[in-house]
Amino acid sequence: MTGTVALVRRIEAPCAAVFRAWADPATLRRWLVPGDAVSIAAAVDFRVGGAYRIETEGRDGARHVFAGRYRELIPDRLIVKSWTYEGPARILCGMETLLTVALAPIGLDATELRLTHARIGSEDARSAYLADWPGCLDDLQCLLQ
């Protein structure tokens, strides 16, 4: 069974700013941190074939790593990358999923962000991602305001 999480958000910032927020490791550390975790490190080689790695730590001290490779990049419009989780949440471990972020302008100063997290191997894992992504996107919006 394969699942998908699909979210659409209006972000009050131009497409270029939203795109940069996905590309810059220092910026990623400020918003791509699920739940009550804190960011430990982020490394990004933002090019097709390049790798990324984001490490967070939960309140319980558990380390969570999200990593993968960029498959497609269209400046200010599209990011497609693999997404793999390493950590104590066994329902997420060992799955290479696919994350697509499509950006479209809404006027001059806003962006429609379409996030599709696909190839999720179980309903429990889909539910976990469905719970985490909205908070991350809320943090992205706050950062860009």
N, C-alpha and C. Protein backbone atom coordinates (compact mmCIF):
# COMPACT_ATOMS: atom_id res chain seq x y z
N MET A 1 0.84 -1.18 0.00
CA MET A 1 0.00 0.00 0.00
C MET A 1 0.88 1.24 0.00
N THR A 2 0.50 2.23 -0.79
CA THR A 2 1.25 3.47 -0.85
C THR A 2 0.30 4.60 -0.55
N GLY A 3 0.79 5.55 0.24
CA GLY A 3 -0.04 6.69 0.60
C GLY A 3 0.59 7.99 0.16
N THR A 4 -0.23 9.01 0.18
CA THR A 4 0.20 10.35 -0.21
C THR A 4 -0.38 11.37 0.76
N VAL A 5 0.43 12.37 1.07
CA VAL A 5 -0.04 13.55 1.78
C VAL A 5 0.02 14.69 0.78
N ALA A 6 -1.08 15.40 0.60
CA ALA A 6 -1.12 16.54 -0.32
C ALA A 6 -1.69 17.74 0.42
N LEU A 7 -0.93 18.82 0.42
CA LEU A 7 -1.35 20.05 1.09
C LEU A 7 -1.17 21.23 0.15
N VAL A 8 -2.08 22.18 0.24
CA VAL A 8 -1.97 23.42 -0.52
C VAL A 8 -2.02 24.56 0.49
N ARG A 9 -1.05 25.47 0.38
CA ARG A 9 -0.97 26.61 1.29
C ARG A 9 -0.73 27.89 0.51
N ARG A 10 -1.31 28.96 0.99
CA ARG A 10 -0.97 30.30 0.52
C ARG A 10 0.10 30.82 1.47
N ILE A 11 1.25 31.16 0.92
CA ILE A 11 2.35 31.71 1.71
C ILE A 11 2.48 33.19 1.33
N GLU A 12 2.46 34.04 2.31
CA GLU A 12 2.53 35.48 2.07
C GLU A 12 3.97 35.91 1.86
N ALA A 13 4.52 35.49 0.72
CA ALA A 13 5.87 35.85 0.30
C ALA A 13 5.99 35.48 -1.18
N PRO A 14 6.87 36.17 -1.91
CA PRO A 14 7.05 35.84 -3.33
C PRO A 14 7.65 34.44 -3.50
N CYS A 15 7.41 33.84 -4.68
CA CYS A 15 7.93 32.50 -4.98
C CYS A 15 9.43 32.40 -4.75
N ALA A 16 10.18 33.42 -5.13
CA ALA A 16 11.65 33.37 -4.97
C ALA A 16 12.04 33.21 -3.51
N ALA A 17 11.35 33.89 -2.61
CA ALA A 17 11.66 33.79 -1.17
C ALA A 17 11.29 32.41 -0.63
N VAL A 18 10.17 31.87 -1.08
CA VAL A 18 9.75 30.53 -0.63
C VAL A 18 10.75 29.49 -1.15
N PHE A 19 11.14 29.60 -2.40
CA PHE A 19 12.11 28.68 -2.98
C PHE A 19 13.42 28.71 -2.20
N ARG A 20 13.92 29.92 -1.89
CA ARG A 20 15.17 30.05 -1.13
C ARG A 20 15.06 29.42 0.25
N ALA A 21 13.87 29.48 0.86
CA ALA A 21 13.68 28.89 2.19
C ALA A 21 13.87 27.38 2.18
N TRP A 22 13.66 26.74 1.04
CA TRP A 22 13.89 25.30 0.89
C TRP A 22 15.33 24.99 0.53
N ALA A 23 16.09 26.01 0.09
CA ALA A 23 17.44 25.80 -0.43
C ALA A 23 18.54 26.10 0.58
N ASP A 24 18.30 26.98 1.51
CA ASP A 24 19.33 27.47 2.43
C ASP A 24 19.32 26.67 3.74
N PRO A 25 20.43 26.01 4.10
CA PRO A 25 20.42 25.18 5.31
C PRO A 25 20.14 25.96 6.59
N ALA A 26 20.64 27.18 6.70
CA ALA A 26 20.38 27.96 7.91
C ALA A 26 18.90 28.29 8.04
N THR A 27 18.25 28.56 6.92
CA THR A 27 16.81 28.84 6.94
C THR A 27 16.02 27.57 7.22
N LEU A 28 16.40 26.47 6.59
CA LEU A 28 15.71 25.19 6.84
C LEU A 28 15.70 24.85 8.33
N ARG A 29 16.80 25.13 9.01
CA ARG A 29 16.89 24.82 10.44
C ARG A 29 15.88 25.60 11.26
N ARG A 30 15.37 26.68 10.70
CA ARG A 30 14.43 27.52 11.44
C ARG A 30 12.97 27.11 11.25
N TRP A 31 12.67 26.31 10.22
CA TRP A 31 11.26 25.98 10.01
C TRP A 31 10.98 24.50 9.71
N LEU A 32 11.93 23.77 9.16
CA LEU A 32 11.65 22.37 8.80
C LEU A 32 12.03 21.45 9.97
N VAL A 33 11.29 21.66 11.06
CA VAL A 33 11.52 20.94 12.31
C VAL A 33 10.15 20.50 12.83
N PRO A 34 9.80 19.22 12.68
CA PRO A 34 8.46 18.77 13.07
C PRO A 34 8.22 18.79 14.57
N GLY A 35 6.98 19.05 14.93
CA GLY A 35 6.55 18.96 16.32
C GLY A 35 7.34 19.84 17.26
N ASP A 36 7.69 19.28 18.40
CA ASP A 36 8.41 20.03 19.43
C ASP A 36 9.92 19.79 19.38
N ALA A 37 10.40 19.25 18.28
CA ALA A 37 11.83 18.98 18.13
C ALA A 37 12.60 20.29 17.94
N VAL A 38 13.90 20.22 18.10
CA VAL A 38 14.79 21.35 17.83
C VAL A 38 15.78 20.93 16.75
N SER A 39 16.22 21.89 15.98
CA SER A 39 17.15 21.62 14.90
C SER A 39 18.56 21.43 15.45
N ILE A 40 19.26 20.43 14.95
CA ILE A 40 20.64 20.17 15.33
C ILE A 40 21.58 20.58 14.19
N ALA A 41 21.24 20.19 12.97
CA ALA A 41 22.11 20.49 11.84
C ALA A 41 21.33 20.37 10.54
N ALA A 42 21.82 21.06 9.52
CA ALA A 42 21.27 20.92 8.18
C ALA A 42 22.40 21.12 7.18
N ALA A 43 22.45 20.27 6.18
CA ALA A 43 23.42 20.38 5.10
C ALA A 43 22.67 20.22 3.78
N VAL A 44 22.99 21.08 2.82
CA VAL A 44 22.27 21.08 1.55
C VAL A 44 23.24 21.28 0.40
N ASP A 45 23.17 20.40 -0.59
CA ASP A 45 23.87 20.58 -1.86
C ASP A 45 22.75 20.75 -2.88
N PHE A 46 22.29 22.00 -3.04
CA PHE A 46 21.06 22.30 -3.75
C PHE A 46 21.28 22.33 -5.26
N ARG A 47 21.33 21.13 -5.83
CA ARG A 47 21.46 20.93 -7.27
C ARG A 47 20.89 19.56 -7.57
N VAL A 48 20.47 19.34 -8.81
CA VAL A 48 19.96 18.02 -9.20
C VAL A 48 21.07 17.00 -8.95
N GLY A 49 20.74 15.96 -8.20
CA GLY A 49 21.69 14.93 -7.81
C GLY A 49 22.37 15.22 -6.48
N GLY A 50 22.26 16.45 -6.01
CA GLY A 50 22.86 16.83 -4.73
C GLY A 50 22.07 16.25 -3.57
N ALA A 51 22.75 16.12 -2.44
CA ALA A 51 22.13 15.53 -1.25
C ALA A 51 21.78 16.61 -0.22
N TYR A 52 20.86 16.27 0.64
CA TYR A 52 20.54 17.11 1.79
C TYR A 52 20.40 16.21 3.01
N ARG A 53 20.57 16.80 4.18
CA ARG A 53 20.42 16.06 5.45
C ARG A 53 20.01 17.07 6.51
N ILE A 54 18.93 16.76 7.21
CA ILE A 54 18.42 17.61 8.28
C ILE A 54 18.33 16.75 9.53
N GLU A 55 18.94 17.21 10.61
CA GLU A 55 18.95 16.46 11.86
C GLU A 55 18.25 17.26 12.94
N THR A 56 17.32 16.62 13.64
CA THR A 56 16.60 17.26 14.74
C THR A 56 16.69 16.39 15.99
N GLU A 57 16.32 16.97 17.10
CA GLU A 57 16.30 16.24 18.36
C GLU A 57 14.98 16.53 19.07
N GLY A 58 14.30 15.46 19.49
CA GLY A 58 13.05 15.61 20.22
C GLY A 58 13.29 15.94 21.68
N ARG A 59 12.23 16.30 22.37
CA ARG A 59 12.34 16.60 23.81
C ARG A 59 12.91 15.45 24.62
N ASP A 60 12.69 14.24 24.13
CA ASP A 60 13.17 13.04 24.82
C ASP A 60 14.63 12.74 24.51
N GLY A 61 15.28 13.59 23.69
CA GLY A 61 16.67 13.39 23.33
C GLY A 61 16.87 12.52 22.10
N ALA A 62 15.80 11.99 21.55
CA ALA A 62 15.91 11.12 20.36
C ALA A 62 16.29 11.95 19.14
N ARG A 63 17.20 11.43 18.34
CA ARG A 63 17.63 12.09 17.11
C ARG A 63 16.80 11.59 15.93
N HIS A 64 16.43 12.54 15.07
CA HIS A 64 15.65 12.24 13.87
C HIS A 64 16.39 12.86 12.69
N VAL A 65 16.58 12.09 11.63
CA VAL A 65 17.28 12.57 10.44
C VAL A 65 16.37 12.39 9.23
N PHE A 66 16.30 13.45 8.43
CA PHE A 66 15.58 13.43 7.16
C PHE A 66 16.62 13.71 6.09
N ALA A 67 16.73 12.83 5.11
CA ALA A 67 17.79 12.98 4.11
C ALA A 67 17.30 12.49 2.76
N GLY A 68 18.02 12.90 1.72
CA GLY A 68 17.68 12.45 0.38
C GLY A 68 18.49 13.18 -0.66
N ARG A 69 18.02 13.08 -1.91
CA ARG A 69 18.69 13.70 -3.05
C ARG A 69 17.67 14.48 -3.88
N TYR A 70 18.15 15.57 -4.44
CA TYR A 70 17.31 16.40 -5.31
C TYR A 70 17.21 15.74 -6.68
N ARG A 71 15.99 15.59 -7.16
CA ARG A 71 15.75 14.95 -8.46
C ARG A 71 15.42 15.95 -9.55
N GLU A 72 14.74 17.03 -9.19
CA GLU A 72 14.38 18.05 -10.17
C GLU A 72 14.29 19.39 -9.45
N LEU A 73 14.84 20.43 -10.08
CA LEU A 73 14.77 21.79 -9.54
C LEU A 73 14.48 22.75 -10.68
N ILE A 74 13.43 23.53 -10.53
CA ILE A 74 13.13 24.63 -11.44
C ILE A 74 13.06 25.87 -10.56
N PRO A 75 14.02 26.79 -10.72
CA PRO A 75 14.08 27.95 -9.83
C PRO A 75 12.73 28.65 -9.65
N ASP A 76 12.41 28.88 -8.39
CA ASP A 76 11.20 29.59 -7.97
C ASP A 76 9.90 28.88 -8.32
N ARG A 77 9.97 27.62 -8.80
CA ARG A 77 8.75 26.92 -9.21
C ARG A 77 8.61 25.49 -8.70
N LEU A 78 9.71 24.71 -8.65
CA LEU A 78 9.55 23.28 -8.37
C LEU A 78 10.78 22.69 -7.69
N ILE A 79 10.50 21.86 -6.68
CA ILE A 79 11.53 21.06 -6.02
C ILE A 79 10.98 19.64 -5.93
N VAL A 80 11.75 18.69 -6.44
CA VAL A 80 11.39 17.27 -6.31
C VAL A 80 12.60 16.59 -5.70
N LYS A 81 12.37 15.86 -4.60
CA LYS A 81 13.49 15.19 -3.93
C LYS A 81 13.02 13.92 -3.24
N SER A 82 13.97 13.01 -3.11
CA SER A 82 13.68 11.83 -2.30
C SER A 82 13.72 12.26 -0.84
N TRP A 83 13.05 11.49 0.02
CA TRP A 83 12.93 11.82 1.44
C TRP A 83 12.97 10.51 2.22
N THR A 84 13.99 10.37 3.04
CA THR A 84 14.14 9.17 3.85
C THR A 84 14.31 9.57 5.30
N TYR A 85 13.65 8.87 6.18
CA TYR A 85 13.74 9.14 7.62
C TYR A 85 14.63 8.09 8.29
N GLU A 86 15.48 8.55 9.21
CA GLU A 86 16.26 7.67 10.07
C GLU A 86 16.01 8.10 11.50
N GLY A 87 15.66 7.19 12.37
CA GLY A 87 15.44 7.55 13.77
C GLY A 87 14.58 6.52 14.46
N PRO A 88 14.09 6.87 15.64
CA PRO A 88 13.36 5.90 16.45
C PRO A 88 11.93 5.62 16.01
N ALA A 89 11.35 6.45 15.15
CA ALA A 89 9.97 6.23 14.72
C ALA A 89 9.95 5.12 13.67
N ARG A 90 9.80 3.90 14.12
CA ARG A 90 9.92 2.74 13.24
C ARG A 90 8.94 2.72 12.08
N ILE A 91 7.78 3.35 12.25
CA ILE A 91 6.80 3.37 11.16
C ILE A 91 7.30 4.17 9.96
N LEU A 92 8.31 5.03 10.17
CA LEU A 92 8.84 5.86 9.08
C LEU A 92 10.16 5.35 8.52
N CYS A 93 10.86 4.52 9.27
CA CYS A 93 12.22 4.09 8.90
C CYS A 93 12.23 3.21 7.65
N GLY A 94 13.29 3.39 6.88
CA GLY A 94 13.54 2.50 5.76
C GLY A 94 12.75 2.76 4.51
N MET A 95 11.94 3.80 4.49
CA MET A 95 11.13 4.11 3.32
C MET A 95 11.75 5.27 2.57
N GLU A 96 12.02 5.11 1.30
CA GLU A 96 12.37 6.26 0.49
C GLU A 96 11.08 6.77 -0.13
N THR A 97 10.68 7.95 0.29
CA THR A 97 9.46 8.56 -0.23
C THR A 97 9.85 9.67 -1.20
N LEU A 98 8.87 10.31 -1.80
CA LEU A 98 9.12 11.35 -2.79
C LEU A 98 8.37 12.61 -2.38
N LEU A 99 9.11 13.71 -2.28
CA LEU A 99 8.53 14.99 -1.89
C LEU A 99 8.59 15.94 -3.07
N THR A 100 7.44 16.50 -3.42
CA THR A 100 7.34 17.48 -4.50
C THR A 100 6.75 18.75 -3.93
N VAL A 101 7.43 19.87 -4.18
CA VAL A 101 6.96 21.18 -3.76
C VAL A 101 6.83 22.03 -5.02
N ALA A 102 5.59 22.37 -5.36
CA ALA A 102 5.32 23.20 -6.54
C ALA A 102 4.90 24.58 -6.07
N LEU A 103 5.48 25.61 -6.67
CA LEU A 103 5.20 26.99 -6.29
C LEU A 103 4.59 27.74 -7.47
N ALA A 104 3.57 28.54 -7.19
CA ALA A 104 2.95 29.37 -8.23
C ALA A 104 2.65 30.74 -7.63
N PRO A 105 2.92 31.81 -8.39
CA PRO A 105 2.67 33.15 -7.85
C PRO A 105 1.18 33.43 -7.71
N ILE A 106 0.85 34.13 -6.66
CA ILE A 106 -0.48 34.70 -6.46
C ILE A 106 -0.25 36.20 -6.35
N GLY A 107 -0.42 36.90 -7.44
CA GLY A 107 -0.06 38.31 -7.45
C GLY A 107 1.44 38.47 -7.33
N LEU A 108 1.88 39.59 -6.76
CA LEU A 108 3.31 39.88 -6.65
C LEU A 108 3.94 39.36 -5.37
N ASP A 109 3.16 39.28 -4.30
CA ASP A 109 3.75 39.04 -2.99
C ASP A 109 3.23 37.81 -2.26
N ALA A 110 2.65 36.87 -2.98
CA ALA A 110 2.16 35.65 -2.33
C ALA A 110 2.42 34.47 -3.26
N THR A 111 2.45 33.30 -2.66
CA THR A 111 2.76 32.06 -3.38
C THR A 111 1.77 30.97 -2.99
N GLU A 112 1.31 30.23 -3.98
CA GLU A 112 0.59 29.00 -3.69
C GLU A 112 1.62 27.89 -3.65
N LEU A 113 1.71 27.23 -2.51
CA LEU A 113 2.64 26.11 -2.31
C LEU A 113 1.81 24.84 -2.30
N ARG A 114 2.15 23.92 -3.20
CA ARG A 114 1.52 22.60 -3.26
C ARG A 114 2.56 21.57 -2.87
N LEU A 115 2.37 20.97 -1.73
CA LEU A 115 3.29 19.95 -1.23
C LEU A 115 2.64 18.59 -1.42
N THR A 116 3.36 17.68 -2.08
CA THR A 116 2.89 16.31 -2.26
C THR A 116 3.99 15.38 -1.75
N HIS A 117 3.68 14.65 -0.71
CA HIS A 117 4.61 13.68 -0.14
C HIS A 117 4.04 12.31 -0.51
N ALA A 118 4.69 11.63 -1.43
CA ALA A 118 4.15 10.40 -2.02
C ALA A 118 5.03 9.19 -1.73
N ARG A 119 4.50 8.03 -2.11
CA ARG A 119 5.18 6.74 -1.94
C ARG A 119 5.39 6.39 -0.47
N ILE A 120 4.44 6.79 0.34
CA ILE A 120 4.50 6.50 1.78
C ILE A 120 3.95 5.09 1.97
N GLY A 121 4.71 4.24 2.63
CA GLY A 121 4.45 2.81 2.63
C GLY A 121 3.38 2.28 3.56
N SER A 122 2.86 3.10 4.47
CA SER A 122 1.82 2.59 5.37
C SER A 122 0.90 3.73 5.78
N GLU A 123 -0.29 3.37 6.22
CA GLU A 123 -1.24 4.38 6.67
C GLU A 123 -0.75 5.07 7.94
N ASP A 124 -0.07 4.33 8.83
CA ASP A 124 0.49 4.94 10.04
C ASP A 124 1.55 5.99 9.69
N ALA A 125 2.40 5.68 8.72
CA ALA A 125 3.43 6.64 8.30
C ALA A 125 2.78 7.85 7.64
N ARG A 126 1.76 7.61 6.81
CA ARG A 126 1.04 8.73 6.18
C ARG A 126 0.43 9.63 7.23
N SER A 127 -0.16 9.04 8.26
CA SER A 127 -0.76 9.82 9.34
C SER A 127 0.28 10.66 10.09
N ALA A 128 1.47 10.08 10.28
CA ALA A 128 2.55 10.82 10.96
C ALA A 128 2.98 12.02 10.13
N TYR A 129 3.17 11.82 8.83
CA TYR A 129 3.56 12.95 7.97
C TYR A 129 2.43 13.98 7.87
N LEU A 130 1.19 13.50 7.81
CA LEU A 130 0.06 14.41 7.76
C LEU A 130 -0.02 15.27 9.02
N ALA A 131 0.40 14.73 10.14
CA ALA A 131 0.41 15.49 11.40
C ALA A 131 1.56 16.50 11.43
N ASP A 132 2.70 16.17 10.83
CA ASP A 132 3.90 17.02 10.92
C ASP A 132 3.96 18.15 9.90
N TRP A 133 3.56 17.90 8.67
CA TRP A 133 3.74 18.91 7.63
C TRP A 133 3.02 20.23 7.90
N PRO A 134 1.77 20.24 8.36
CA PRO A 134 1.11 21.54 8.58
C PRO A 134 1.87 22.46 9.55
N GLY A 135 2.41 21.93 10.62
CA GLY A 135 3.16 22.75 11.56
C GLY A 135 4.42 23.31 10.94
N CYS A 136 5.11 22.51 10.14
CA CYS A 136 6.30 23.00 9.45
C CYS A 136 5.93 24.13 8.49
N LEU A 137 4.84 23.98 7.75
CA LEU A 137 4.44 25.02 6.81
C LEU A 137 3.97 26.28 7.55
N ASP A 138 3.35 26.12 8.72
CA ASP A 138 3.02 27.28 9.55
C ASP A 138 4.28 28.03 9.95
N ASP A 139 5.32 27.27 10.34
CA ASP A 139 6.59 27.89 10.72
C ASP A 139 7.25 28.59 9.54
N LEU A 140 7.14 28.00 8.35
CA LEU A 140 7.67 28.64 7.15
C LEU A 140 6.97 29.98 6.91
N GLN A 141 5.65 29.97 7.02
CA GLN A 141 4.89 31.22 6.82
C GLN A 141 5.33 32.28 7.82
N CYS A 142 5.45 31.91 9.08
CA CYS A 142 5.87 32.87 10.13
C CYS A 142 7.26 33.42 9.83
N LEU A 143 8.15 32.58 9.38
CA LEU A 143 9.51 33.01 9.08
C LEU A 143 9.55 34.01 7.93
N LEU A 144 8.70 33.83 6.93
CA LEU A 144 8.74 34.68 5.74
C LEU A 144 7.91 35.94 5.85
N GLN A 145 7.15 36.11 6.91
CA GLN A 145 6.34 37.33 7.05
C GLN A 145 7.17 38.50 7.45
